[in-house]
Amino acid sequence: MTSNCNVSNMRRLVEQLKLEASVERIKVSEAAAELQQFCLQNASKDALLVGVPTGSNPFREPRSCAVV
């Protein structure tokens, strides 16, 4: 029973290694360049860089209502 378990574990391991070996890999410098390009292209949409419009900000301070 132990040898069957060991064989099935080894088969799963081989399948996992085959899967990992088939993954396309790129150099770190290429990935960094792609990431930088993506960030520059989407900078105008980034709320941390351009801010949130006042009308659509759900975290704005509530207005006080004074009845005179």
Protein backbone atom coordinates (compact mmCIF):
# COMPACT_ATOMS: atom_id res chain seq x y z
CA MET A 1 0.00 0.00 0.00
CA THR A 2 2.85 2.37 0.77
CA SER A 3 4.46 1.78 -2.63
CA ASN A 4 1.15 2.59 -4.41
CA CYS A 5 0.88 5.81 -2.43
CA ASN A 6 4.50 6.63 -3.19
CA VAL A 7 4.04 5.95 -6.92
CA SER A 8 0.93 8.13 -7.11
CA ASN A 9 2.71 10.92 -5.23
CA MET A 10 5.63 10.70 -7.63
CA ARG A 11 3.28 10.82 -10.64
CA ARG A 12 1.62 13.93 -9.26
CA LEU A 13 5.01 15.47 -8.68
CA VAL A 14 6.11 14.69 -12.25
CA GLU A 15 2.90 16.24 -13.62
CA GLN A 16 3.43 19.34 -11.50
CA LEU A 17 7.04 19.65 -12.67
CA LYS A 18 5.95 19.27 -16.30
CA LEU A 19 3.40 22.01 -15.79
CA GLU A 20 5.96 24.32 -14.20
CA ALA A 21 8.50 23.59 -16.95
CA SER A 22 5.99 24.60 -19.63
CA VAL A 23 5.39 28.07 -18.13
CA GLU A 24 6.86 30.82 -20.30
CA ARG A 25 9.40 32.87 -18.37
CA ILE A 26 10.78 36.30 -19.12
CA LYS A 27 13.77 38.19 -17.83
CA VAL A 28 13.36 40.47 -14.84
CA SER A 29 14.46 43.48 -16.89
CA GLU A 30 11.71 42.78 -19.45
CA ALA A 31 9.10 42.40 -16.73
CA ALA A 32 10.24 45.64 -15.09
CA ALA A 33 10.04 47.50 -18.40
CA GLU A 34 6.53 46.16 -19.05
CA LEU A 35 5.43 47.13 -15.54
CA GLN A 36 6.85 50.62 -15.92
CA GLN A 37 5.11 51.06 -19.29
CA PHE A 38 1.80 49.86 -17.81
CA CYS A 39 2.12 52.29 -14.88
CA LEU A 40 2.89 55.22 -17.16
CA GLN A 41 -0.04 54.38 -19.46
CA ASN A 42 -2.51 54.16 -16.57
CA ALA A 43 -1.17 56.99 -14.39
CA SER A 44 -3.99 59.33 -15.43
CA LYS A 45 -6.56 56.84 -14.06
CA ASP A 46 -4.77 56.21 -10.74
CA ALA A 47 -6.70 57.77 -7.86
CA LEU A 48 -3.58 57.85 -5.69
CA LEU A 49 -1.82 60.05 -8.23
CA VAL A 50 -4.62 62.32 -9.48
CA GLY A 51 -6.95 62.29 -6.49
CA VAL A 52 -10.59 61.35 -6.20
CA PRO A 53 -13.25 63.73 -7.55
CA THR A 54 -15.07 65.37 -4.65
CA GLY A 55 -18.52 64.35 -5.83
CA SER A 56 -17.71 60.65 -6.03
CA ASN A 57 -15.59 60.36 -2.88
CA PRO A 58 -17.43 58.07 -0.42
CA PHE A 59 -14.97 58.98 2.37
CA ARG A 60 -15.46 62.75 2.33
CA GLU A 61 -16.35 64.52 5.53
CA PRO A 62 -20.10 64.71 6.02
CA ARG A 63 -21.63 68.14 5.66
CA SER A 64 -23.06 69.64 8.78
CA CYS A 65 -26.60 70.78 8.64
CA ALA A 66 -27.47 73.87 10.64
CA VAL A 67 -31.11 74.80 10.95
CA VAL A 68 -31.59 78.40 11.98
